[in-house]
C-alpha atoms as a PDB file:
ATOM      1  CA  MET A   1       8.669  67.918 -42.313  1.00  0.00           C
ATOM      2  CA  LYS A   2       7.472  67.865 -45.920  1.00  0.00           C
ATOM      3  CA  TYR A   3       4.102  67.061 -47.392  1.00  0.00           C
ATOM      4  CA  GLN A   4       3.507  65.200 -50.630  1.00  0.00           C
ATOM      5  CA  ASN A   5       1.365  68.086 -51.871  1.00  0.00           C
ATOM      6  CA  VAL A   6       0.102  71.383 -50.547  1.00  0.00           C
ATOM      7  CA  TYR A   7      -3.032  73.181 -51.685  1.00  0.00           C
ATOM      8  CA  LYS A   8      -4.159  76.782 -51.912  1.00  0.00           C
ATOM      9  CA  ILE A   9      -7.817  77.720 -51.515  1.00  0.00           C
ATOM     10  CA  LEU A  10      -9.069  80.912 -53.131  1.00  0.00           C
ATOM     11  CA  SER A  11     -12.412  82.616 -53.411  1.00  0.00           C
ATOM     12  CA  ILE A  12     -13.716  83.007 -56.957  1.00  0.00           C
ATOM     13  CA  ARG A  13     -12.875  86.730 -56.789  1.00  0.00           C
ATOM     14  CA  GLU A  14      -9.316  86.037 -55.605  1.00  0.00           C
ATOM     15  CA  TRP A  15      -8.822  83.556 -58.463  1.00  0.00           C
ATOM     16  CA  ASP A  16     -10.203  86.030 -61.022  1.00  0.00           C
ATOM     17  CA  ASP A  17      -7.861  88.725 -59.687  1.00  0.00           C
ATOM     18  CA  ALA A  18      -4.885  86.345 -59.749  1.00  0.00           C
ATOM     19  CA  GLN A  19      -5.513  85.430 -63.369  1.00  0.00           C
ATOM     20  CA  LYS A  20      -5.510  89.126 -64.306  1.00  0.00           C
ATOM     21  CA  ILE A  21      -2.208  89.946 -62.566  1.00  0.00           C
ATOM     22  CA  GLY A  22      -0.465  86.583 -63.025  1.00  0.00           C
ATOM     23  CA  TYR A  23       0.061  85.603 -59.381  1.00  0.00           C
ATOM     24  CA  ILE A  24      -1.825  84.884 -56.140  1.00  0.00           C
ATOM     25  CA  ASN A  25      -2.181  87.989 -53.974  1.00  0.00           C
ATOM     26  CA  THR A  26      -4.803  87.572 -51.217  1.00  0.00           C
ATOM     27  CA  ASP A  27      -5.375  90.062 -48.391  1.00  0.00           C
ATOM     28  CA  LEU A  28      -4.486  87.467 -45.734  1.00  0.00           C
ATOM     29  CA  ASP A  29      -1.282  86.457 -47.501  1.00  0.00           C
ATOM     30  CA  LYS A  30      -0.243  90.104 -47.905  1.00  0.00           C
ATOM     31  CA  LYS A  31      -0.954  90.786 -44.219  1.00  0.00           C
ATOM     32  CA  ASP A  32       1.028  87.751 -43.014  1.00  0.00           C
ATOM     33  CA  GLY A  33       3.908  88.109 -45.487  1.00  0.00           C
ATOM     34  CA  PHE A  34       3.656  84.624 -46.981  1.00  0.00           C
ATOM     35  CA  ILE A  35       1.317  82.404 -49.006  1.00  0.00           C
ATOM     36  CA  HIS A  36      -0.784  80.079 -46.828  1.00  0.00           C
ATOM     37  CA  PHE A  37      -1.245  76.427 -47.847  1.00  0.00           C
ATOM     38  CA  SER A  38      -3.007  73.398 -46.405  1.00  0.00           C
ATOM     39  CA  ASN A  39      -2.013  69.781 -46.793  1.00  0.00           C
ATOM     40  CA  ALA A  40      -4.650  67.163 -47.612  1.00  0.00           C
ATOM     41  CA  ASN A  41      -5.375  66.525 -43.919  1.00  0.00           C
ATOM     42  CA  GLN A  42      -5.833  70.241 -43.214  1.00  0.00           C
ATOM     43  CA  LEU A  43      -8.123  71.096 -46.136  1.00  0.00           C
ATOM     44  CA  ALA A  44     -11.489  70.343 -44.518  1.00  0.00           C
ATOM     45  CA  ALA A  45     -10.753  72.563 -41.507  1.00  0.00           C
ATOM     46  CA  SER A  46      -9.321  75.341 -43.694  1.00  0.00           C
ATOM     47  CA  LEU A  47     -12.464  75.295 -45.824  1.00  0.00           C
ATOM     48  CA  GLU A  48     -14.695  75.434 -42.757  1.00  0.00           C
ATOM     49  CA  LEU A  49     -12.712  78.082 -40.872  1.00  0.00           C
ATOM     50  CA  TYR A  50     -11.954  80.489 -43.695  1.00  0.00           C
ATOM     51  CA  PHE A  51     -14.457  79.829 -46.487  1.00  0.00           C
ATOM     52  CA  SER A  52     -17.709  78.903 -44.740  1.00  0.00           C
ATOM     53  CA  ASP A  53     -19.444  81.936 -46.263  1.00  0.00           C
ATOM     54  CA  HIS A  54     -18.569  80.940 -49.849  1.00  0.00           C
ATOM     55  CA  GLU A  55     -20.770  78.766 -52.046  1.00  0.00           C
ATOM     56  CA  GLU A  56     -17.836  77.834 -54.273  1.00  0.00           C
ATOM     57  CA  VAL A  57     -14.081  78.166 -54.148  1.00  0.00           C
ATOM     58  CA  ILE A  58     -11.065  77.371 -56.272  1.00  0.00           C
ATOM     59  CA  LEU A  59      -8.674  74.704 -55.017  1.00  0.00           C
ATOM     60  CA  LEU A  60      -5.172  74.909 -56.460  1.00  0.00           C
ATOM     61  CA  LEU A  61      -2.418  72.310 -56.593  1.00  0.00           C
ATOM     62  CA  PRO A  62       0.906  74.018 -57.295  1.00  0.00           C
ATOM     63  CA  CYS A  63       3.740  72.186 -58.995  1.00  0.00           C
ATOM     64  CA  MET A  64       5.722  71.145 -55.923  1.00  0.00           C
ATOM     65  CA  ARG A  65       8.966  70.955 -57.873  1.00  0.00           C
ATOM     66  CA  LYS A  66       8.650  74.677 -58.687  1.00  0.00           C
ATOM     67  CA  ILE A  67       7.851  75.932 -55.186  1.00  0.00           C
ATOM     68  CA  GLU A  68       9.340  73.499 -52.670  1.00  0.00           C
ATOM     69  CA  SER A  69      12.655  75.326 -52.266  1.00  0.00           C
ATOM     70  CA  ASN A  70      10.768  78.409 -50.987  1.00  0.00           C
ATOM     71  CA  LEU A  71       8.359  76.509 -48.699  1.00  0.00           C
ATOM     72  CA  LYS A  72       8.735  76.574 -44.938  1.00  0.00           C
ATOM     73  CA  TYR A  73       6.765  74.301 -42.616  1.00  0.00           C
ATOM     74  CA  GLU A  74       5.883  76.309 -39.553  1.00  0.00           C
ATOM     75  CA  PRO A  75       3.691  75.798 -36.487  1.00  0.00           C
ATOM     76  CA  THR A  76       0.620  77.940 -36.010  1.00  0.00           C
ATOM     77  CA  ASP A  77       0.969  80.921 -33.732  1.00  0.00           C
ATOM     78  CA  GLY A  78      -0.180  80.778 -30.117  1.00  0.00           C
ATOM     79  CA  ASP A  79      -3.532  82.455 -30.867  1.00  0.00           C
ATOM     80  CA  SER A  80      -4.664  79.753 -33.265  1.00  0.00           C
ATOM     81  CA  LYS A  81      -6.944  76.875 -32.298  1.00  0.00           C
ATOM     82  CA  ARG A  82      -5.257  74.821 -34.982  1.00  0.00           C
ATOM     83  CA  LYS A  83      -2.254  72.678 -34.213  1.00  0.00           C
ATOM     84  CA  GLY A  84       0.438  71.259 -36.399  1.00  0.00           C
ATOM     85  CA  PHE A  85       2.698  72.563 -39.103  1.00  0.00           C
ATOM     86  CA  PHE A  86       1.487  74.502 -42.112  1.00  0.00           C
ATOM     87  CA  ALA A  87       3.293  75.144 -45.366  1.00  0.00           C
ATOM     88  CA  HIS A  88       4.084  78.780 -46.060  1.00  0.00           C
ATOM     89  CA  LEU A  89       5.555  80.051 -49.304  1.00  0.00           C
ATOM     90  CA  TYR A  90       7.945  82.944 -48.972  1.00  0.00           C
ATOM     91  CA  GLY A  91       7.851  84.293 -52.490  1.00  0.00           C
ATOM     92  CA  ASP A  92       5.346  84.582 -55.305  1.00  0.00           C
ATOM     93  CA  LEU A  93       2.897  81.898 -56.341  1.00  0.00           C
ATOM     94  CA  LYS A  94       2.506  82.522 -60.052  1.00  0.00           C
ATOM     95  CA  ILE A  95      -0.366  81.269 -62.144  1.00  0.00           C
ATOM     96  CA  GLU A  96       2.182  79.370 -64.248  1.00  0.00           C
ATOM     97  CA  ASP A  97       3.215  77.463 -61.078  1.00  0.00           C
ATOM     98  CA  ILE A  98      -0.252  75.905 -60.771  1.00  0.00           C
ATOM     99  CA  GLU A  99      -0.345  72.275 -61.876  1.00  0.00           C
ATOM    100  CA  LYS A 100      -4.067  71.665 -61.407  1.00  0.00           C
ATOM    101  CA  SER A 101      -7.163  73.527 -60.248  1.00  0.00           C
ATOM    102  CA  TRP A 102     -10.669  72.533 -59.229  1.00  0.00           C
ATOM    103  CA  GLN A 103     -13.783  74.613 -58.748  1.00  0.00           C
ATOM    104  CA  ILE A 104     -15.530  73.065 -55.771  1.00  0.00           C
ATOM    105  CA  LYS A 105     -19.036  73.842 -54.582  1.00  0.00           C
ATOM    106  CA  ARG A 106     -20.523  73.762 -51.133  1.00  0.00           C
ATOM    107  CA  GLY A 107     -22.194  70.517 -50.308  1.00  0.00           C
ATOM    108  CA  ALA A 108     -19.681  70.061 -47.562  1.00  0.00           C
ATOM    109  CA  PHE A 109     -17.241  71.127 -50.264  1.00  0.00           C
ATOM    110  CA  GLN A 110     -16.829  67.978 -52.315  1.00  0.00           C
ATOM    111  CA  LEU A 111     -13.089  67.366 -52.454  1.00  0.00           C
ATOM    112  CA  PRO A 112     -11.642  65.466 -55.423  1.00  0.00           C
ATOM    113  CA  LYS A 113     -11.183  61.743 -54.732  1.00  0.00           C
ATOM    114  CA  SER A 114      -7.442  61.890 -55.316  1.00  0.00           C
ATOM    115  CA  ILE A 115      -7.094  64.375 -52.442  1.00  0.00           C
ATOM    116  CA  LEU A 116      -9.342  62.357 -50.125  1.00  0.00           C
ATOM    117  CA  LEU A 117      -7.210  59.295 -50.807  1.00  0.00           C
ATOM    118  CA  GLU A 118      -4.025  61.245 -50.148  1.00  0.00           C
ATOM    119  CA  ALA A 119      -5.446  62.301 -46.743  1.00  0.00           C
ATOM    120  CA  GLU A 120      -5.983  58.652 -45.807  1.00  0.00           C
ATOM    121  CA  LEU A 121      -2.292  57.883 -46.374  1.00  0.00           C
ATOM    122  CA  ALA A 122      -1.044  60.486 -43.894  1.00  0.00           C
END
């Protein structure tokens, strides 16, 4: 199973920290031992479940060509209410690996049209 694109959501603080050190290093990712991603279909739930207390977040699109060899698509664990396979990066996600970023604000988190259209294709 492979997705056309995967996305990383960060808080503003996490993005600021990443830009200072050169790579993404969130508490959750450190705890779990891999970088969490969502595909276009999973973004809305990820935003609601993990970022509902944020007024704005950073949405990152990594360059798939740079990271795909280290991606694994794995099911959620038994404790999760979520179903399906999620992309996990075993390795570093460097700032230089980011192809595009968006700052999105609450208002049901307005996703970019290109991502909404990608979700319709799945």
